[in-house]
PDB file of N, CA and C in Angstrom:
ATOM      1  N   UNK A   1      56.638  42.573 120.792  1.00  0.00           N
ATOM      2  CA  UNK A   1      57.163  42.749 122.178  1.00  0.00           C
ATOM      3  C   UNK A   1      58.570  43.507 121.998  1.00  0.00           C
ATOM      4  N   UNK A   2      59.330  43.127 121.124  1.00  0.00           N
ATOM      5  CA  UNK A   2      60.663  43.789 120.928  1.00  0.00           C
ATOM      6  C   UNK A   2      60.426  45.282 120.577  1.00  0.00           C
ATOM      7  N   UNK A   3      59.378  45.498 119.697  1.00  0.00           N
ATOM      8  CA  UNK A   3      59.186  46.838 119.244  1.00  0.00           C
ATOM      9  C   UNK A   3      58.721  47.698 120.421  1.00  0.00           C
ATOM     10  N   UNK A   4      58.055  47.178 121.372  1.00  0.00           N
ATOM     11  CA  UNK A   4      57.506  47.968 122.508  1.00  0.00           C
ATOM     12  C   UNK A   4      58.709  48.313 123.391  1.00  0.00           C
ATOM     13  N   UNK A   5      59.590  47.353 123.542  1.00  0.00           N
ATOM     14  CA  UNK A   5      60.756  47.560 124.459  1.00  0.00           C
ATOM     15  C   UNK A   5      61.624  48.591 123.826  1.00  0.00           C
ATOM     16  N   UNK A   6      61.856  48.463 122.469  1.00  0.00           N
ATOM     17  CA  UNK A   6      62.747  49.472 121.840  1.00  0.00           C
ATOM     18  C   UNK A   6      62.122  50.826 121.818  1.00  0.00           C
ATOM     19  N   UNK A   7      60.793  50.911 121.561  1.00  0.00           N
ATOM     20  CA  UNK A   7      60.184  52.309 121.759  1.00  0.00           C
ATOM     21  C   UNK A   7      60.209  52.855 123.125  1.00  0.00           C
ATOM     22  N   UNK A   8      60.099  52.057 124.178  1.00  0.00           N
ATOM     23  CA  UNK A   8      60.212  52.476 125.537  1.00  0.00           C
ATOM     24  C   UNK A   8      61.636  52.932 125.826  1.00  0.00           C
ATOM     25  N   UNK A   9      62.601  52.201 125.292  1.00  0.00           N
ATOM     26  CA  UNK A   9      64.000  52.552 125.561  1.00  0.00           C
ATOM     27  C   UNK A   9      64.339  53.934 124.916  1.00  0.00           C
ATOM     28  N   UNK A  10      63.810  54.079 123.668  1.00  0.00           N
ATOM     29  CA  UNK A  10      64.094  55.353 122.856  1.00  0.00           C
ATOM     30  C   UNK A  10      63.385  56.544 123.553  1.00  0.00           C
ATOM     31  N   UNK A  11      62.133  56.359 124.148  1.00  0.00           N
ATOM     32  CA  UNK A  11      61.436  57.346 124.833  1.00  0.00           C
ATOM     33  C   UNK A  11      62.097  57.682 126.155  1.00  0.00           C
ATOM     34  N   UNK A  12      62.747  56.772 126.766  1.00  0.00           N
ATOM     35  CA  UNK A  12      63.405  57.143 128.015  1.00  0.00           C
ATOM     36  C   UNK A  12      64.735  57.846 127.738  1.00  0.00           C
ATOM     37  N   UNK A  13      65.319  57.604 126.547  1.00  0.00           N
ATOM     38  CA  UNK A  13      66.554  58.394 126.215  1.00  0.00           C
ATOM     39  C   UNK A  13      66.216  59.761 125.938  1.00  0.00           C
ATOM     40  N   UNK A  14      65.143  60.121 125.171  1.00  0.00           N
ATOM     41  CA  UNK A  14      64.791  61.372 124.852  1.00  0.00           C
ATOM     42  C   UNK A  14      64.477  62.285 126.098  1.00  0.00           C
ATOM     43  N   UNK A  15      64.048  61.577 127.175  1.00  0.00           N
ATOM     44  CA  UNK A  15      63.617  62.373 128.352  1.00  0.00           C
ATOM     45  C   UNK A  15      64.792  62.695 129.198  1.00  0.00           C
ATOM     46  N   UNK A  16      66.032  62.230 128.809  1.00  0.00           N
ATOM     47  CA  UNK A  16      67.217  62.457 129.589  1.00  0.00           C
ATOM     48  C   UNK A  16      67.830  63.904 129.504  1.00  0.00           C
ATOM     49  N   UNK A  17      67.420  64.531 128.464  1.00  0.00           N
ATOM     50  CA  UNK A  17      68.045  65.898 128.183  1.00  0.00           C
ATOM     51  C   UNK A  17      67.375  66.967 129.110  1.00  0.00           C
ATOM     52  N   UNK A  18      68.129  67.962 129.404  1.00  0.00           N
ATOM     53  CA  UNK A  18      67.570  68.993 130.273  1.00  0.00           C
ATOM     54  C   UNK A  18      67.442  70.234 129.364  1.00  0.00           C
ATOM     55  N   UNK A  19      66.321  70.954 129.553  1.00  0.00           N
ATOM     56  CA  UNK A  19      66.063  72.113 128.684  1.00  0.00           C
ATOM     57  C   UNK A  19      66.241  73.396 129.392  1.00  0.00           C
ATOM     58  N   UNK A  20      66.856  73.458 130.673  1.00  0.00           N
ATOM     59  CA  UNK A  20      66.888  74.564 131.447  1.00  0.00           C
ATOM     60  C   UNK A  20      68.062  75.473 130.891  1.00  0.00           C
ATOM     61  N   UNK A  21      68.236  76.732 131.496  1.00  0.00           N
ATOM     62  CA  UNK A  21      69.314  77.504 130.989  1.00  0.00           C
ATOM     63  C   UNK A  21      70.697  76.992 131.503  1.00  0.00           C
ATOM     64  N   UNK A  22      71.661  77.198 130.733  1.00  0.00           N
ATOM     65  CA  UNK A  22      73.029  76.805 131.083  1.00  0.00           C
ATOM     66  C   UNK A  22      73.627  77.716 132.209  1.00  0.00           C
ATOM     67  N   UNK A  23      74.373  77.063 133.235  1.00  0.00           N
ATOM     68  CA  UNK A  23      74.873  77.733 134.232  1.00  0.00           C
ATOM     69  C   UNK A  23      76.251  77.121 134.471  1.00  0.00           C
ATOM     70  N   UNK A  24      77.189  77.948 135.078  1.00  0.00           N
ATOM     71  CA  UNK A  24      78.532  77.372 135.311  1.00  0.00           C
ATOM     72  C   UNK A  24      78.428  76.266 136.388  1.00  0.00           C
ATOM     73  N   UNK A  25      79.361  75.313 136.440  1.00  0.00           N
ATOM     74  CA  UNK A  25      79.358  74.302 137.406  1.00  0.00           C
ATOM     75  C   UNK A  25      79.631  74.921 138.762  1.00  0.00           C
ATOM     76  N   UNK A  26      79.213  74.225 139.825  1.00  0.00           N
ATOM     77  CA  UNK A  26      79.397  74.768 141.223  1.00  0.00           C
ATOM     78  C   UNK A  26      80.906  74.925 141.412  1.00  0.00           C
ATOM     79  N   UNK A  27      81.250  76.151 141.993  1.00  0.00           N
ATOM     80  CA  UNK A  27      82.623  76.532 142.179  1.00  0.00           C
ATOM     81  C   UNK A  27      83.312  77.138 141.062  1.00  0.00           C
ATOM     82  N   UNK A  28      82.664  77.147 139.901  1.00  0.00           N
ATOM     83  CA  UNK A  28      83.254  77.750 138.679  1.00  0.00           C
ATOM     84  C   UNK A  28      82.471  79.013 138.416  1.00  0.00           C
ATOM     85  N   UNK A  29      83.091  79.908 137.561  1.00  0.00           N
ATOM     86  CA  UNK A  29      82.436  81.121 137.115  1.00  0.00           C
ATOM     87  C   UNK A  29      82.653  81.235 135.672  1.00  0.00           C
ATOM     88  N   UNK A  30      81.873  82.189 135.070  1.00  0.00           N
ATOM     89  CA  UNK A  30      82.003  82.443 133.655  1.00  0.00           C
ATOM     90  C   UNK A  30      83.317  83.146 133.354  1.00  0.00           C
ATOM     91  N   UNK A  31      83.806  83.197 132.182  1.00  0.00           N
ATOM     92  CA  UNK A  31      85.126  83.824 131.883  1.00  0.00           C
ATOM     93  C   UNK A  31      85.009  85.287 132.247  1.00  0.00           C
ATOM     94  N   UNK A  32      86.099  85.988 132.548  1.00  0.00           N
ATOM     95  CA  UNK A  32      86.016  87.388 132.799  1.00  0.00           C
ATOM     96  C   UNK A  32      85.531  88.252 131.633  1.00  0.00           C
ATOM     97  N   UNK A  33      85.077  89.390 131.945  1.00  0.00           N
ATOM     98  CA  UNK A  33      84.573  90.399 130.975  1.00  0.00           C
ATOM     99  C   UNK A  33      85.700  90.726 129.992  1.00  0.00           C
ATOM    100  N   UNK A  34      85.558  90.642 128.677  1.00  0.00           N
ATOM    101  CA  UNK A  34      86.537  91.177 127.750  1.00  0.00           C
ATOM    102  C   UNK A  34      86.829  92.640 127.969  1.00  0.00           C
ATOM    103  N   UNK A  35      87.983  93.081 127.575  1.00  0.00           N
ATOM    104  CA  UNK A  35      88.440  94.415 127.934  1.00  0.00           C
ATOM    105  C   UNK A  35      87.503  95.482 127.214  1.00  0.00           C
ATOM    106  N   UNK A  36      87.169  95.302 125.968  1.00  0.00           N
ATOM    107  CA  UNK A  36      86.481  96.304 125.253  1.00  0.00           C
ATOM    108  C   UNK A  36      84.936  96.039 125.357  1.00  0.00           C
ATOM    109  N   UNK A  37      84.381  95.026 126.010  1.00  0.00           N
ATOM    110  CA  UNK A  37      83.038  94.811 126.081  1.00  0.00           C
ATOM    111  C   UNK A  37      82.361  95.674 127.281  1.00  0.00           C
ATOM    112  N   UNK A  38      81.104  96.044 126.980  1.00  0.00           N
ATOM    113  CA  UNK A  38      80.475  96.885 127.991  1.00  0.00           C
ATOM    114  C   UNK A  38      79.855  96.053 129.076  1.00  0.00           C
ATOM    115  N   UNK A  39      79.562  94.721 128.741  1.00  0.00           N
ATOM    116  CA  UNK A  39      78.891  93.899 129.773  1.00  0.00           C
ATOM    117  C   UNK A  39      79.595  92.553 129.693  1.00  0.00           C
ATOM    118  N   UNK A  40      79.418  91.748 130.706  1.00  0.00           N
ATOM    119  CA  UNK A  40      79.915  90.429 130.764  1.00  0.00           C
ATOM    120  C   UNK A  40      79.035  89.500 129.930  1.00  0.00           C
ATOM    121  N   UNK A  41      79.457  88.796 128.966  1.00  0.00           N
ATOM    122  CA  UNK A  41      78.632  87.848 128.214  1.00  0.00           C
ATOM    123  C   UNK A  41      78.102  86.734 129.054  1.00  0.00           C
ATOM    124  N   UNK A  42      76.864  86.375 128.871  1.00  0.00           N
ATOM    125  CA  UNK A  42      76.357  85.176 129.583  1.00  0.00           C
ATOM    126  C   UNK A  42      76.547  83.929 128.755  1.00  0.00           C
ATOM    127  N   UNK A  43      76.104  82.797 129.197  1.00  0.00           N
ATOM    128  CA  UNK A  43      76.333  81.558 128.497  1.00  0.00           C
ATOM    129  C   UNK A  43      75.832  81.484 127.136  1.00  0.00           C
ATOM    130  N   UNK A  44      74.651  82.083 126.901  1.00  0.00           N
ATOM    131  CA  UNK A  44      74.065  82.023 125.521  1.00  0.00           C
ATOM    132  C   UNK A  44      74.916  82.908 124.561  1.00  0.00           C
ATOM    133  N   UNK A  45      75.424  83.974 125.076  1.00  0.00           N
ATOM    134  CA  UNK A  45      76.330  84.872 124.259  1.00  0.00           C
ATOM    135  C   UNK A  45      77.656  84.184 123.874  1.00  0.00           C
ATOM    136  N   UNK A  46      78.140  83.440 124.828  1.00  0.00           N
ATOM    137  CA  UNK A  46      79.428  82.736 124.565  1.00  0.00           C
ATOM    138  C   UNK A  46      79.157  81.577 123.565  1.00  0.00           C
ATOM    139  N   UNK A  47      77.919  80.964 123.587  1.00  0.00           N
ATOM    140  CA  UNK A  47      77.713  79.810 122.727  1.00  0.00           C
ATOM    141  C   UNK A  47      77.249  80.250 121.310  1.00  0.00           C
ATOM    142  N   UNK A  48      76.820  81.514 121.120  1.00  0.00           N
ATOM    143  CA  UNK A  48      76.410  81.919 119.855  1.00  0.00           C
ATOM    144  C   UNK A  48      77.707  82.329 118.996  1.00  0.00           C
ATOM    145  N   UNK A  49      77.841  81.656 117.751  1.00  0.00           N
ATOM    146  CA  UNK A  49      79.093  81.931 116.958  1.00  0.00           C
ATOM    147  C   UNK A  49      78.842  83.320 116.366  1.00  0.00           C
ATOM    148  N   UNK A  50      79.982  84.077 116.295  1.00  0.00           N
ATOM    149  CA  UNK A  50      79.986  85.357 115.649  1.00  0.00           C
ATOM    150  C   UNK A  50      79.657  85.276 114.128  1.00  0.00           C
ATOM    151  N   UNK A  51      79.301  86.330 113.493  1.00  0.00           N
ATOM    152  CA  UNK A  51      78.891  86.211 111.990  1.00  0.00           C
ATOM    153  C   UNK A  51      80.080  85.759 111.167  1.00  0.00           C
ATOM    154  N   UNK A  52      81.321  86.093 111.454  1.00  0.00           N
ATOM    155  CA  UNK A  52      82.380  85.617 110.631  1.00  0.00           C
ATOM    156  C   UNK A  52      82.721  84.184 110.844  1.00  0.00           C
ATOM    157  N   UNK A  53      82.206  83.489 111.831  1.00  0.00           N
ATOM    158  CA  UNK A  53      82.376  82.040 111.895  1.00  0.00           C
ATOM    159  C   UNK A  53      81.480  81.296 111.038  1.00  0.00           C
ATOM    160  N   UNK A  54      80.390  81.769 110.517  1.00  0.00           N
ATOM    161  CA  UNK A  54      79.495  81.200 109.519  1.00  0.00           C
ATOM    162  C   UNK A  54      79.178  82.160 108.464  1.00  0.00           C
ATOM    163  N   UNK A  55      80.134  82.335 107.479  1.00  0.00           N
ATOM    164  CA  UNK A  55      79.891  83.266 106.440  1.00  0.00           C
ATOM    165  C   UNK A  55      78.737  82.855 105.590  1.00  0.00           C
ATOM    166  N   UNK A  56      78.102  83.776 104.849  1.00  0.00           N
ATOM    167  CA  UNK A  56      77.025  83.417 103.911  1.00  0.00           C
ATOM    168  C   UNK A  56      77.626  82.648 102.728  1.00  0.00           C
ATOM    169  N   UNK A  57      76.869  81.689 102.291  1.00  0.00           N
ATOM    170  CA  UNK A  57      77.319  80.974 101.111  1.00  0.00           C
ATOM    171  C   UNK A  57      76.895  81.650  99.869  1.00  0.00           C
ATOM    172  N   UNK A  58      77.817  81.712  98.850  1.00  0.00           N
ATOM    173  CA  UNK A  58      77.489  82.359  97.632  1.00  0.00           C
ATOM    174  C   UNK A  58      77.445  81.230  96.608  1.00  0.00           C
ATOM    175  N   UNK A  59      76.217  80.900  96.138  1.00  0.00           N
ATOM    176  CA  UNK A  59      76.086  79.867  95.117  1.00  0.00           C
ATOM    177  C   UNK A  59      76.289  80.426  93.667  1.00  0.00           C
ATOM    178  N   UNK A  60      75.844  81.546  93.481  1.00  0.00           N
ATOM    179  CA  UNK A  60      75.835  82.055  92.018  1.00  0.00           C
ATOM    180  C   UNK A  60      77.031  82.944  91.940  1.00  0.00           C
ATOM    181  N   UNK A  61      78.038  82.492  91.206  1.00  0.00           N
ATOM    182  CA  UNK A  61      79.330  83.272  90.977  1.00  0.00           C
ATOM    183  C   UNK A  61      79.216  84.305  89.836  1.00  0.00           C
ATOM    184  N   UNK A  62      78.310  83.973  88.868  1.00  0.00           N
ATOM    185  CA  UNK A  62      78.086  84.913  87.746  1.00  0.00           C
ATOM    186  C   UNK A  62      76.681  85.430  87.911  1.00  0.00           C
ATOM    187  N   UNK A  63      76.597  86.815  87.925  1.00  0.00           N
ATOM    188  CA  UNK A  63      75.260  87.387  88.088  1.00  0.00           C
ATOM    189  C   UNK A  63      74.524  87.467  86.698  1.00  0.00           C
ATOM    190  N   UNK A  64      75.285  87.768  85.660  1.00  0.00           N
ATOM    191  CA  UNK A  64      74.761  87.787  84.378  1.00  0.00           C
ATOM    192  C   UNK A  64      75.452  86.949  83.363  1.00  0.00           C
ATOM    193  N   UNK A  65      74.733  86.365  82.496  1.00  0.00           N
ATOM    194  CA  UNK A  65      75.420  85.481  81.557  1.00  0.00           C
ATOM    195  C   UNK A  65      75.850  86.342  80.323  1.00  0.00           C
ATOM    196  N   UNK A  66      77.144  86.587  80.325  1.00  0.00           N
ATOM    197  CA  UNK A  66      77.625  87.368  79.213  1.00  0.00           C
ATOM    198  C   UNK A  66      78.847  86.694  78.556  1.00  0.00           C
ATOM    199  N   UNK A  67      79.005  86.889  77.248  1.00  0.00           N
ATOM    200  CA  UNK A  67      80.030  86.216  76.566  1.00  0.00           C
ATOM    201  C   UNK A  67      81.353  86.649  77.032  1.00  0.00           C
ATOM    202  N   UNK A  68      82.378  85.723  77.042  1.00  0.00           N
ATOM    203  CA  UNK A  68      83.681  86.122  77.408  1.00  0.00           C
ATOM    204  C   UNK A  68      84.392  87.110  76.388  1.00  0.00           C
ATOM    205  N   UNK A  69      85.252  87.959  76.884  1.00  0.00           N
ATOM    206  CA  UNK A  69      85.952  88.718  75.974  1.00  0.00           C
ATOM    207  C   UNK A  69      87.105  87.882  75.260  1.00  0.00           C
ATOM    208  N   UNK A  70      87.422  88.228  74.113  1.00  0.00           N
ATOM    209  CA  UNK A  70      88.533  87.433  73.445  1.00  0.00           C
ATOM    210  C   UNK A  70      89.836  87.624  74.122  1.00  0.00           C
ATOM    211  N   UNK A  71      90.532  86.546  74.286  1.00  0.00           N
ATOM    212  CA  UNK A  71      91.842  86.564  74.881  1.00  0.00           C
ATOM    213  C   UNK A  71      92.918  86.284  73.851  1.00  0.00           C
ATOM    214  N   UNK A  72      93.783  87.272  73.746  1.00  0.00           N
ATOM    215  CA  UNK A  72      94.867  87.203  72.621  1.00  0.00           C
ATOM    216  C   UNK A  72      95.858  86.156  72.945  1.00  0.00           C
ATOM    217  N   UNK A  73      95.996  85.635  74.185  1.00  0.00           N
ATOM    218  CA  UNK A  73      96.919  84.624  74.581  1.00  0.00           C
ATOM    219  C   UNK A  73      96.332  83.237  74.526  1.00  0.00           C
ATOM    220  N   UNK A  74      95.073  83.092  74.254  1.00  0.00           N
ATOM    221  CA  UNK A  74      94.329  81.762  74.156  1.00  0.00           C
ATOM    222  C   UNK A  74      94.555  81.251  72.798  1.00  0.00           C
ATOM    223  N   UNK A  75      95.686  80.603  72.526  1.00  0.00           N
ATOM    224  CA  UNK A  75      96.173  80.100  71.236  1.00  0.00           C
ATOM    225  C   UNK A  75      96.013  78.683  71.160  1.00  0.00           C
ATOM    226  N   UNK A  76      95.668  78.137  70.029  1.00  0.00           N
ATOM    227  CA  UNK A  76      95.710  76.682  69.849  1.00  0.00           C
ATOM    228  C   UNK A  76      97.119  76.087  70.020  1.00  0.00           C
ATOM    229  N   UNK A  77      97.160  74.798  70.288  1.00  0.00           N
ATOM    230  CA  UNK A  77      98.488  74.213  70.476  1.00  0.00           C
ATOM    231  C   UNK A  77      99.144  74.028  69.111  1.00  0.00           C
ATOM    232  N   UNK A  78     100.490  74.026  69.148  1.00  0.00           N
ATOM    233  CA  UNK A  78     101.189  74.005  67.884  1.00  0.00           C
ATOM    234  C   UNK A  78     100.944  72.658  67.183  1.00  0.00           C
ATOM    235  N   UNK A  79     100.983  72.635  65.937  1.00  0.00           N
ATOM    236  CA  UNK A  79     100.746  71.323  65.137  1.00  0.00           C
ATOM    237  C   UNK A  79     101.944  70.396  65.180  1.00  0.00           C
ATOM    238  N   UNK A  80     101.881  69.301  65.875  1.00  0.00           N
ATOM    239  CA  UNK A  80     102.800  68.294  65.962  1.00  0.00           C
ATOM    240  C   UNK A  80     104.156  68.732  66.551  1.00  0.00           C
ATOM    241  N   UNK A  81     105.055  67.810  66.568  1.00  0.00           N
ATOM    242  CA  UNK A  81     106.441  68.053  67.106  1.00  0.00           C
ATOM    243  C   UNK A  81     106.494  68.269  68.593  1.00  0.00           C
ATOM    244  N   UNK A  82     107.623  68.268  69.144  1.00  0.00           N
ATOM    245  CA  UNK A  82     107.851  68.235  70.638  1.00  0.00           C
ATOM    246  C   UNK A  82     107.714  69.753  71.088  1.00  0.00           C
ATOM    247  N   UNK A  83     107.605  69.984  72.363  1.00  0.00           N
ATOM    248  CA  UNK A  83     107.515  71.292  72.971  1.00  0.00           C
ATOM    249  C   UNK A  83     108.780  71.960  72.826  1.00  0.00           C
ATOM    250  N   UNK A  84     108.964  73.248  72.662  1.00  0.00           N
ATOM    251  CA  UNK A  84     110.236  73.895  72.464  1.00  0.00           C
ATOM    252  C   UNK A  84     111.001  73.757  73.784  1.00  0.00           C
ATOM    253  N   UNK A  85     112.256  73.695  73.759  1.00  0.00           N
ATOM    254  CA  UNK A  85     113.133  73.542  74.870  1.00  0.00           C
ATOM    255  C   UNK A  85     113.346  74.896  75.532  1.00  0.00           C
ATOM    256  N   UNK A  86     113.354  75.024  76.867  1.00  0.00           N
ATOM    257  CA  UNK A  86     113.524  76.344  77.473  1.00  0.00           C
ATOM    258  C   UNK A  86     115.029  76.734  77.284  1.00  0.00           C
ATOM    259  N   UNK A  87     115.254  78.001  77.368  1.00  0.00           N
ATOM    260  CA  UNK A  87     116.648  78.568  77.105  1.00  0.00           C
ATOM    261  C   UNK A  87     117.389  78.183  78.409  1.00  0.00           C
ATOM    262  N   UNK A  88     118.599  77.805  78.315  1.00  0.00           N
ATOM    263  CA  UNK A  88     119.443  77.484  79.556  1.00  0.00           C
ATOM    264  C   UNK A  88     119.701  78.832  80.373  1.00  0.00           C
ATOM    265  N   UNK A  89     119.814  78.498  81.623  1.00  0.00           N
ATOM    266  CA  UNK A  89     120.101  79.589  82.519  1.00  0.00           C
ATOM    267  C   UNK A  89     121.624  80.000  82.299  1.00  0.00           C
ATOM    268  N   UNK A  90     121.903  81.202  82.113  1.00  0.00           N
ATOM    269  CA  UNK A  90     123.225  81.624  81.683  1.00  0.00           C
ATOM    270  C   UNK A  90     124.251  81.626  82.951  1.00  0.00           C
ATOM    271  N   UNK A  91     123.709  81.760  84.185  1.00  0.00           N
ATOM    272  CA  UNK A  91     124.728  81.877  85.279  1.00  0.00           C
ATOM    273  C   UNK A  91     125.051  80.509  85.883  1.00  0.00           C
ATOM    274  N   UNK A  92     124.379  79.470  85.419  1.00  0.00           N
ATOM    275  CA  UNK A  92     124.701  78.168  86.027  1.00  0.00           C
ATOM    276  C   UNK A  92     126.113  77.670  85.608  1.00  0.00           C
ATOM    277  N   UNK A  93     126.384  77.737  84.334  1.00  0.00           N
ATOM    278  CA  UNK A  93     127.599  77.247  83.710  1.00  0.00           C
ATOM    279  C   UNK A  93     128.729  78.208  83.686  1.00  0.00           C
ATOM    280  N   UNK A  94     128.577  79.409  84.289  1.00  0.00           N
ATOM    281  CA  UNK A  94     129.705  80.369  84.231  1.00  0.00           C
ATOM    282  C   UNK A  94     130.780  79.914  85.180  1.00  0.00           C
ATOM    283  N   UNK A  95     132.003  80.211  84.729  1.00  0.00           N
ATOM    284  CA  UNK A  95     133.198  79.875  85.586  1.00  0.00           C
ATOM    285  C   UNK A  95     133.150  80.685  86.931  1.00  0.00           C
ATOM    286  N   UNK A  96     133.721  80.107  87.985  1.00  0.00           N
ATOM    287  CA  UNK A  96     133.722  80.789  89.289  1.00  0.00           C
ATOM    288  C   UNK A  96     134.902  81.887  89.265  1.00  0.00           C
ATOM    289  N   UNK A  97     134.598  83.028  89.717  1.00  0.00           N
ATOM    290  CA  UNK A  97     135.638  83.973  89.801  1.00  0.00           C
ATOM    291  C   UNK A  97     136.373  83.912  91.011  1.00  0.00           C
ATOM    292  N   UNK A  98     137.653  83.582  91.031  1.00  0.00           N
ATOM    293  CA  UNK A  98     138.425  83.286  92.248  1.00  0.00           C
ATOM    294  C   UNK A  98     139.091  84.552  92.736  1.00  0.00           C
ATOM    295  N   UNK A  99     139.051  85.654  91.992  1.00  0.00           N
ATOM    296  CA  UNK A  99     139.682  86.891  92.432  1.00  0.00           C
ATOM    297  C   UNK A  99     138.697  87.679  93.374  1.00  0.00           C
ATOM    298  N   UNK A 100     137.581  87.240  93.633  1.00  0.00           N
ATOM    299  CA  UNK A 100     136.669  88.022  94.529  1.00  0.00           C
ATOM    300  C   UNK A 100     136.964  87.855  95.952  1.00  0.00           C
ATOM    301  N   UNK A 101     136.773  88.945  96.711  1.00  0.00           N
ATOM    302  CA  UNK A 101     136.952  88.921  98.156  1.00  0.00           C
ATOM    303  C   UNK A 101     135.874  88.375  98.974  1.00  0.00           C
ATOM    304  N   UNK A 102     134.751  88.058  98.247  1.00  0.00           N
ATOM    305  CA  UNK A 102     133.581  87.474  98.882  1.00  0.00           C
ATOM    306  C   UNK A 102     133.724  85.957  98.933  1.00  0.00           C
ATOM    307  N   UNK A 103     133.600  85.498 100.246  1.00  0.00           N
ATOM    308  CA  UNK A 103     133.781  84.069 100.464  1.00  0.00           C
ATOM    309  C   UNK A 103     132.454  83.331 100.427  1.00  0.00           C
ATOM    310  N   UNK A 104     132.398  82.171  99.948  1.00  0.00           N
ATOM    311  CA  UNK A 104     131.135  81.407  99.871  1.00  0.00           C
ATOM    312  C   UNK A 104     131.391  79.954 100.434  1.00  0.00           C
ATOM    313  N   UNK A 105     130.441  79.104 100.321  1.00  0.00           N
ATOM    314  CA  UNK A 105     130.683  77.806 100.829  1.00  0.00           C
ATOM    315  C   UNK A 105     131.718  77.099  99.956  1.00  0.00           C
ATOM    316  N   UNK A 106     132.580  76.269 100.737  1.00  0.00           N
ATOM    317  CA  UNK A 106     133.593  75.456 100.007  1.00  0.00           C
ATOM    318  C   UNK A 106     132.943  74.358  99.250  1.00  0.00           C
ATOM    319  N   UNK A 107     133.600  74.097  98.067  1.00  0.00           N
ATOM    320  CA  UNK A 107     133.102  73.033  97.195  1.00  0.00           C
ATOM    321  C   UNK A 107     133.949  71.844  97.354  1.00  0.00           C
TER     322      UNK A 107
END
């Protein structure tokens, strides 16, 4: 009995949809014709996404399986020890020149 009621309810829900063409609501109109368009687009034209909205999917990034060229910068890590320290920036610790006529923020 429950199954019959459930199926009847689902069948009634599927019959609720309208399959007629879309039209603007009463008192409303379609958007105005675009400046460069030769005709005014109808509802189906406005609902169809342009090609750039759904680009093609590219699954295969490599067309041919070829060995990679040797990379002269692909070096193994150094054996043991810490990483080398970067050279200090030279202009950070320079004394401030007070004889300049250019003013900057006060310290």
